[in-house]
Amino acid sequence: MNRKLRGHHLLCTHGFRGMGYSEGFVKVMSDITDDIRDEYSDFQVQVLQGFDDACQACPHRGRTACEKSEDSNGHVLSMDGKVISHLGLTAGETYMKSDLVQLTVEKVNPDDLDYLCEGCSWLEYGVCKEGIRELKEKYGG
């Protein structure tokens, strides 16, 4: 199995709690999240700054850009870039899932999301920071 994930979705998978833009999106994101959280499986993940596996089911996906709002595409691309840079990754490159999880444990603290995910509508629910906190506790970060 291989996955394609945009930069900011690398963090979303740890805080995802079944909320989403549509039933279809929630199903796809749940499947992705289950794969990322499965500590017994490892696979390749291509890290993108743009549409990924989760976006395929999003009702806001336009032909070439996110159309949730006028500035949403620029906003999600910015979050992708911030996360990719923060983790020391290169957009378009492929990494092992286990390495991406370990990098997140080592380099991301819950309060980093205030900058990395600034302006994200899901941040206010607190589940994202909670997910990063739980990840760090689980893997001793």
N, C-alpha and C. Protein backbone atom coordinates (compact mmCIF):
# COMPACT_ATOMS: atom_id res chain seq x y z
N MET A 1 0.85 -1.18 0.00
CA MET A 1 0.00 0.00 0.00
C MET A 1 0.89 1.24 0.00
N ASN A 2 0.49 2.22 -0.75
CA ASN A 2 1.15 3.52 -0.77
C ASN A 2 0.08 4.58 -0.56
N ARG A 3 0.45 5.66 0.06
CA ARG A 3 -0.48 6.78 0.30
C ARG A 3 0.15 8.06 -0.23
N LYS A 4 -0.74 8.99 -0.56
CA LYS A 4 -0.32 10.35 -0.91
C LYS A 4 -0.99 11.26 0.11
N LEU A 5 -0.18 12.02 0.86
CA LEU A 5 -0.73 12.93 1.86
C LEU A 5 -0.12 14.31 1.71
N ARG A 6 -0.98 15.31 1.76
CA ARG A 6 -0.48 16.68 1.73
C ARG A 6 0.14 16.98 3.10
N GLY A 7 1.03 17.95 3.13
CA GLY A 7 1.78 18.25 4.34
C GLY A 7 0.96 18.36 5.60
N HIS A 8 -0.09 19.17 5.58
CA HIS A 8 -0.83 19.37 6.84
C HIS A 8 -1.63 18.14 7.24
N HIS A 9 -2.00 17.29 6.29
CA HIS A 9 -2.71 16.06 6.66
C HIS A 9 -1.83 15.09 7.43
N LEU A 10 -0.50 15.26 7.34
CA LEU A 10 0.40 14.44 8.15
C LEU A 10 0.12 14.65 9.64
N LEU A 11 -0.32 15.85 9.99
CA LEU A 11 -0.65 16.15 11.39
C LEU A 11 -2.11 15.85 11.68
N CYS A 12 -3.00 16.12 10.72
CA CYS A 12 -4.43 15.89 10.92
C CYS A 12 -4.73 14.44 11.31
N THR A 13 -3.97 13.51 10.76
CA THR A 13 -4.25 12.09 11.01
C THR A 13 -4.13 11.73 12.48
N HIS A 14 -3.36 12.49 13.24
CA HIS A 14 -3.18 12.18 14.66
C HIS A 14 -4.29 12.75 15.53
N GLY A 15 -4.97 13.78 15.03
CA GLY A 15 -6.04 14.41 15.81
C GLY A 15 -7.44 14.11 15.29
N PHE A 16 -7.53 13.48 14.14
CA PHE A 16 -8.82 13.23 13.51
C PHE A 16 -9.73 12.41 14.44
N ARG A 17 -10.98 12.90 14.59
CA ARG A 17 -11.94 12.25 15.48
C ARG A 17 -13.29 12.02 14.79
N GLY A 18 -13.27 11.91 13.47
CA GLY A 18 -14.50 11.59 12.76
C GLY A 18 -15.32 12.78 12.30
N MET A 19 -14.79 13.98 12.46
CA MET A 19 -15.49 15.16 11.96
C MET A 19 -14.99 15.43 10.54
N GLY A 20 -15.84 16.01 9.71
CA GLY A 20 -15.39 16.29 8.36
C GLY A 20 -16.39 17.08 7.56
N TYR A 21 -16.07 17.26 6.30
CA TYR A 21 -16.86 18.10 5.41
C TYR A 21 -18.06 17.37 4.83
N SER A 22 -18.00 16.04 4.81
CA SER A 22 -19.08 15.23 4.26
C SER A 22 -18.90 13.79 4.74
N GLU A 23 -19.94 13.00 4.56
CA GLU A 23 -19.84 11.59 4.95
C GLU A 23 -18.74 10.87 4.17
N GLY A 24 -18.65 11.15 2.89
CA GLY A 24 -17.61 10.54 2.06
C GLY A 24 -16.21 10.92 2.50
N PHE A 25 -16.03 12.19 2.84
CA PHE A 25 -14.72 12.65 3.30
C PHE A 25 -14.36 11.97 4.62
N VAL A 26 -15.31 11.89 5.54
CA VAL A 26 -15.06 11.27 6.84
C VAL A 26 -14.64 9.80 6.65
N LYS A 27 -15.29 9.10 5.74
CA LYS A 27 -14.95 7.69 5.49
C LYS A 27 -13.53 7.57 4.97
N VAL A 28 -13.17 8.37 3.98
CA VAL A 28 -11.82 8.30 3.41
C VAL A 28 -10.78 8.70 4.45
N MET A 29 -11.05 9.79 5.19
CA MET A 29 -10.09 10.24 6.20
C MET A 29 -9.97 9.21 7.32
N SER A 30 -11.05 8.54 7.67
CA SER A 30 -10.99 7.48 8.69
C SER A 30 -10.09 6.34 8.23
N ASP A 31 -10.21 5.95 6.97
CA ASP A 31 -9.36 4.89 6.43
C ASP A 31 -7.89 5.29 6.46
N ILE A 32 -7.60 6.51 6.04
CA ILE A 32 -6.22 7.01 6.04
C ILE A 32 -5.69 7.05 7.47
N THR A 33 -6.50 7.58 8.37
CA THR A 33 -6.10 7.70 9.77
C THR A 33 -5.83 6.33 10.39
N ASP A 34 -6.69 5.37 10.10
CA ASP A 34 -6.48 4.01 10.61
C ASP A 34 -5.15 3.45 10.13
N ASP A 35 -4.81 3.69 8.86
CA ASP A 35 -3.54 3.22 8.31
C ASP A 35 -2.35 3.89 9.00
N ILE A 36 -2.43 5.20 9.19
CA ILE A 36 -1.32 5.93 9.81
C ILE A 36 -1.15 5.51 11.27
N ARG A 37 -2.24 5.30 11.97
CA ARG A 37 -2.18 4.96 13.40
C ARG A 37 -1.85 3.49 13.66
N ASP A 38 -1.90 2.65 12.63
CA ASP A 38 -1.61 1.22 12.79
C ASP A 38 -0.10 1.03 12.97
N GLU A 39 0.30 0.78 14.21
CA GLU A 39 1.73 0.69 14.50
C GLU A 39 2.37 -0.59 13.95
N TYR A 40 1.57 -1.51 13.45
CA TYR A 40 2.10 -2.77 12.92
C TYR A 40 2.28 -2.76 11.41
N SER A 41 1.86 -1.71 10.76
CA SER A 41 2.06 -1.65 9.31
C SER A 41 2.93 -0.45 8.96
N ASP A 42 3.72 -0.64 7.93
CA ASP A 42 4.56 0.44 7.44
C ASP A 42 4.42 0.46 5.92
N PHE A 43 4.44 1.61 5.36
CA PHE A 43 4.25 1.76 3.92
C PHE A 43 4.79 3.11 3.50
N GLN A 44 4.88 3.30 2.19
CA GLN A 44 5.40 4.55 1.66
C GLN A 44 4.30 5.61 1.60
N VAL A 45 4.71 6.84 1.92
CA VAL A 45 3.82 7.99 1.85
C VAL A 45 4.51 9.06 1.03
N GLN A 46 3.87 9.45 -0.06
CA GLN A 46 4.39 10.58 -0.83
C GLN A 46 3.81 11.84 -0.21
N VAL A 47 4.68 12.76 0.18
CA VAL A 47 4.28 14.00 0.84
C VAL A 47 4.09 15.08 -0.23
N LEU A 48 2.90 15.67 -0.24
CA LEU A 48 2.55 16.63 -1.29
C LEU A 48 2.21 18.00 -0.73
N GLN A 49 2.37 18.98 -1.56
CA GLN A 49 1.86 20.31 -1.27
C GLN A 49 0.76 20.54 -2.32
N GLY A 50 -0.40 19.93 -2.04
CA GLY A 50 -1.51 19.96 -2.98
C GLY A 50 -2.41 18.76 -2.74
N PHE A 51 -3.33 18.52 -3.67
CA PHE A 51 -4.31 17.45 -3.53
C PHE A 51 -3.68 16.11 -3.19
N ASP A 52 -4.34 15.38 -2.29
CA ASP A 52 -3.87 14.06 -1.87
C ASP A 52 -5.03 13.07 -1.83
N ASP A 53 -4.80 11.92 -1.19
CA ASP A 53 -5.84 10.89 -1.11
C ASP A 53 -7.10 11.39 -0.41
N ALA A 54 -6.95 12.18 0.64
CA ALA A 54 -8.12 12.69 1.38
C ALA A 54 -8.91 13.68 0.54
N CYS A 55 -8.23 14.50 -0.21
CA CYS A 55 -8.90 15.53 -1.03
C CYS A 55 -9.82 14.92 -2.08
N GLN A 56 -9.54 13.70 -2.48
CA GLN A 56 -10.34 13.07 -3.53
C GLN A 56 -11.81 12.98 -3.13
N ALA A 57 -12.09 12.90 -1.83
CA ALA A 57 -13.47 12.76 -1.35
C ALA A 57 -14.04 14.05 -0.78
N CYS A 58 -13.30 15.14 -0.87
CA CYS A 58 -13.74 16.39 -0.26
C CYS A 58 -14.72 17.13 -1.19
N PRO A 59 -15.85 17.56 -0.64
CA PRO A 59 -16.82 18.28 -1.46
C PRO A 59 -16.34 19.67 -1.92
N HIS A 60 -15.25 20.15 -1.34
CA HIS A 60 -14.71 21.47 -1.70
C HIS A 60 -13.62 21.37 -2.77
N ARG A 61 -13.34 20.15 -3.23
CA ARG A 61 -12.27 19.97 -4.22
C ARG A 61 -12.74 20.45 -5.58
N GLY A 62 -12.04 21.44 -6.09
CA GLY A 62 -12.30 21.89 -7.45
C GLY A 62 -11.43 21.11 -8.41
N ARG A 63 -11.43 21.53 -9.66
CA ARG A 63 -10.61 20.81 -10.65
C ARG A 63 -9.12 20.94 -10.34
N THR A 64 -8.71 22.14 -9.91
CA THR A 64 -7.28 22.35 -9.68
C THR A 64 -6.99 22.98 -8.31
N ALA A 65 -8.01 23.33 -7.55
CA ALA A 65 -7.77 24.02 -6.29
C ALA A 65 -8.91 23.77 -5.30
N CYS A 66 -8.61 23.96 -4.04
CA CYS A 66 -9.62 23.90 -2.99
C CYS A 66 -10.55 25.10 -3.17
N GLU A 67 -11.86 24.85 -3.11
CA GLU A 67 -12.83 25.92 -3.35
C GLU A 67 -13.74 26.14 -2.15
N LYS A 68 -13.27 25.79 -0.95
CA LYS A 68 -14.10 25.97 0.24
C LYS A 68 -14.45 27.45 0.42
N SER A 69 -13.48 28.31 0.20
CA SER A 69 -13.70 29.75 0.27
C SER A 69 -12.71 30.42 -0.68
N GLU A 70 -12.82 31.74 -0.78
CA GLU A 70 -11.98 32.46 -1.73
C GLU A 70 -10.49 32.27 -1.46
N ASP A 71 -10.11 32.22 -0.19
CA ASP A 71 -8.68 32.11 0.14
C ASP A 71 -8.27 30.72 0.63
N SER A 72 -9.17 29.74 0.54
CA SER A 72 -8.89 28.43 1.12
C SER A 72 -7.72 27.71 0.45
N ASN A 73 -7.60 27.80 -0.87
CA ASN A 73 -6.52 27.08 -1.54
C ASN A 73 -5.15 27.60 -1.08
N GLY A 74 -5.01 28.91 -1.05
CA GLY A 74 -3.75 29.50 -0.57
C GLY A 74 -3.48 29.12 0.88
N HIS A 75 -4.54 29.08 1.67
CA HIS A 75 -4.39 28.75 3.08
C HIS A 75 -3.91 27.30 3.28
N VAL A 76 -4.54 26.34 2.60
CA VAL A 76 -4.11 24.95 2.77
C VAL A 76 -2.73 24.71 2.19
N LEU A 77 -2.40 25.38 1.09
CA LEU A 77 -1.04 25.25 0.55
C LEU A 77 -0.02 25.82 1.53
N SER A 78 -0.37 26.91 2.19
CA SER A 78 0.52 27.50 3.19
C SER A 78 0.72 26.54 4.37
N MET A 79 -0.36 25.94 4.85
CA MET A 79 -0.22 24.97 5.95
C MET A 79 0.64 23.79 5.51
N ASP A 80 0.42 23.30 4.29
CA ASP A 80 1.25 22.20 3.78
C ASP A 80 2.72 22.59 3.85
N GLY A 81 3.04 23.76 3.33
CA GLY A 81 4.42 24.22 3.29
C GLY A 81 5.03 24.36 4.67
N LYS A 82 4.26 24.91 5.61
CA LYS A 82 4.78 25.08 6.97
C LYS A 82 5.09 23.74 7.62
N VAL A 83 4.19 22.77 7.46
CA VAL A 83 4.40 21.45 8.07
C VAL A 83 5.57 20.73 7.41
N ILE A 84 5.63 20.76 6.08
CA ILE A 84 6.73 20.11 5.36
C ILE A 84 8.06 20.70 5.80
N SER A 85 8.14 22.01 5.90
CA SER A 85 9.37 22.67 6.34
C SER A 85 9.69 22.32 7.80
N HIS A 86 8.70 22.37 8.66
CA HIS A 86 8.89 22.10 10.09
C HIS A 86 9.43 20.68 10.31
N LEU A 87 8.97 19.73 9.51
CA LEU A 87 9.41 18.35 9.64
C LEU A 87 10.71 18.07 8.88
N GLY A 88 11.17 19.05 8.11
CA GLY A 88 12.41 18.87 7.34
C GLY A 88 12.24 17.97 6.13
N LEU A 89 11.06 17.97 5.54
CA LEU A 89 10.75 17.12 4.40
C LEU A 89 10.85 17.90 3.09
N THR A 90 10.71 17.19 1.98
CA THR A 90 10.69 17.80 0.66
C THR A 90 9.39 17.40 -0.03
N ALA A 91 8.63 18.38 -0.48
CA ALA A 91 7.37 18.10 -1.18
C ALA A 91 7.65 17.26 -2.42
N GLY A 92 6.81 16.24 -2.61
CA GLY A 92 6.95 15.35 -3.75
C GLY A 92 7.76 14.10 -3.45
N GLU A 93 8.52 14.12 -2.38
CA GLU A 93 9.34 12.95 -2.01
C GLU A 93 8.49 11.92 -1.28
N THR A 94 8.99 10.69 -1.26
CA THR A 94 8.31 9.58 -0.61
C THR A 94 9.10 9.14 0.62
N TYR A 95 8.40 8.91 1.70
CA TYR A 95 8.99 8.53 2.98
C TYR A 95 8.24 7.33 3.55
N MET A 96 8.88 6.61 4.44
CA MET A 96 8.18 5.53 5.13
C MET A 96 7.28 6.14 6.21
N LYS A 97 6.10 5.59 6.36
CA LYS A 97 5.14 6.08 7.35
C LYS A 97 5.77 6.14 8.73
N SER A 98 6.50 5.09 9.10
CA SER A 98 7.11 5.05 10.44
C SER A 98 8.07 6.22 10.66
N ASP A 99 8.80 6.61 9.63
CA ASP A 99 9.72 7.74 9.74
C ASP A 99 8.96 9.05 9.90
N LEU A 100 7.85 9.19 9.19
CA LEU A 100 7.03 10.40 9.31
C LEU A 100 6.42 10.52 10.70
N VAL A 101 5.95 9.40 11.25
CA VAL A 101 5.39 9.41 12.61
C VAL A 101 6.49 9.78 13.60
N GLN A 102 7.69 9.19 13.45
CA GLN A 102 8.79 9.48 14.36
C GLN A 102 9.21 10.96 14.28
N LEU A 103 9.26 11.50 13.08
CA LEU A 103 9.59 12.93 12.92
C LEU A 103 8.55 13.80 13.61
N THR A 104 7.29 13.42 13.52
CA THR A 104 6.23 14.19 14.17
C THR A 104 6.40 14.14 15.68
N VAL A 105 6.72 12.96 16.21
CA VAL A 105 6.96 12.82 17.65
C VAL A 105 8.10 13.73 18.09
N GLU A 106 9.18 13.73 17.32
CA GLU A 106 10.39 14.47 17.69
C GLU A 106 10.26 15.97 17.49
N LYS A 107 9.55 16.40 16.45
CA LYS A 107 9.62 17.80 16.04
C LYS A 107 8.36 18.63 16.27
N VAL A 108 7.24 17.99 16.60
CA VAL A 108 5.98 18.74 16.72
C VAL A 108 5.46 18.66 18.15
N ASN A 109 5.24 19.81 18.73
CA ASN A 109 4.61 19.91 20.04
C ASN A 109 3.19 20.44 19.84
N PRO A 110 2.28 20.11 20.75
CA PRO A 110 0.91 20.58 20.58
C PRO A 110 0.78 22.07 20.28
N ASP A 111 1.53 22.91 20.98
CA ASP A 111 1.42 24.35 20.77
C ASP A 111 1.99 24.82 19.43
N ASP A 112 2.79 23.97 18.76
CA ASP A 112 3.28 24.32 17.43
C ASP A 112 2.13 24.46 16.44
N LEU A 113 1.01 23.80 16.73
CA LEU A 113 -0.14 23.85 15.82
C LEU A 113 -0.72 25.25 15.73
N ASP A 114 -0.52 26.07 16.77
CA ASP A 114 -1.01 27.45 16.71
C ASP A 114 -0.40 28.19 15.51
N TYR A 115 0.84 27.86 15.17
CA TYR A 115 1.49 28.45 14.00
C TYR A 115 1.28 27.60 12.75
N LEU A 116 1.57 26.30 12.86
CA LEU A 116 1.51 25.42 11.68
C LEU A 116 0.12 25.36 11.07
N CYS A 117 -0.90 25.40 11.91
CA CYS A 117 -2.29 25.23 11.47
C CYS A 117 -3.11 26.51 11.67
N GLU A 118 -2.43 27.63 11.77
CA GLU A 118 -3.09 28.92 12.00
C GLU A 118 -4.21 29.14 10.99
N GLY A 119 -5.39 29.46 11.50
CA GLY A 119 -6.53 29.74 10.64
C GLY A 119 -7.36 28.52 10.28
N CYS A 120 -6.93 27.33 10.70
CA CYS A 120 -7.70 26.12 10.37
C CYS A 120 -8.94 26.05 11.26
N SER A 121 -10.08 25.77 10.65
CA SER A 121 -11.34 25.74 11.39
C SER A 121 -11.42 24.59 12.39
N TRP A 122 -10.60 23.56 12.22
CA TRP A 122 -10.65 22.41 13.13
C TRP A 122 -9.83 22.64 14.39
N LEU A 123 -8.89 23.59 14.35
CA LEU A 123 -7.98 23.81 15.47
C LEU A 123 -8.71 24.15 16.76
N GLU A 124 -9.80 24.91 16.66
CA GLU A 124 -10.52 25.37 17.85
C GLU A 124 -11.14 24.23 18.66
N TYR A 125 -11.32 23.06 18.05
CA TYR A 125 -11.94 21.94 18.77
C TYR A 125 -10.98 21.28 19.76
N GLY A 126 -9.68 21.52 19.60
CA GLY A 126 -8.70 20.98 20.54
C GLY A 126 -8.28 19.55 20.27
N VAL A 127 -8.95 18.87 19.34
CA VAL A 127 -8.63 17.46 19.09
C VAL A 127 -7.27 17.29 18.42
N CYS A 128 -6.83 18.28 17.68
CA CYS A 128 -5.55 18.19 16.98
C CYS A 128 -4.39 18.22 17.98
N LYS A 129 -4.43 19.18 18.89
CA LYS A 129 -3.40 19.25 19.92
C LYS A 129 -3.44 18.00 20.81
N GLU A 130 -4.64 17.55 21.10
CA GLU A 130 -4.81 16.34 21.90
C GLU A 130 -4.18 15.14 21.18
N GLY A 131 -4.38 15.04 19.89
CA GLY A 131 -3.81 13.94 19.11
C GLY A 131 -2.30 13.96 19.10
N ILE A 132 -1.69 15.14 18.96
CA ILE A 132 -0.23 15.25 19.00
C ILE A 132 0.29 14.91 20.40
N ARG A 133 -0.40 15.37 21.42
CA ARG A 133 -0.02 15.06 22.81
C ARG A 133 -0.06 13.54 23.04
N GLU A 134 -1.11 12.88 22.59
CA GLU A 134 -1.24 11.44 22.75
C GLU A 134 -0.18 10.70 21.97
N LEU A 135 0.14 11.17 20.77
CA LEU A 135 1.19 10.55 19.96
C LEU A 135 2.53 10.61 20.68
N LYS A 136 2.85 11.77 21.23
CA LYS A 136 4.12 11.94 21.94
C LYS A 136 4.17 11.07 23.19
N GLU A 137 3.05 10.94 23.90
CA GLU A 137 3.01 10.07 25.07
C GLU A 137 3.21 8.61 24.68
N LYS A 138 2.58 8.22 23.59
CA LYS A 138 2.65 6.82 23.14
C LYS A 138 4.08 6.44 22.73
N TYR A 139 4.77 7.36 22.04
CA TYR A 139 6.09 7.05 21.51
C TYR A 139 7.23 7.72 22.30
N GLY A 140 6.89 8.24 23.48
CA GLY A 140 7.93 8.77 24.36
C GLY A 140 8.60 10.05 23.89
N GLY A 141 7.85 10.87 23.17
CA GLY A 141 8.45 12.11 22.65
C GLY A 141 8.39 13.23 23.64
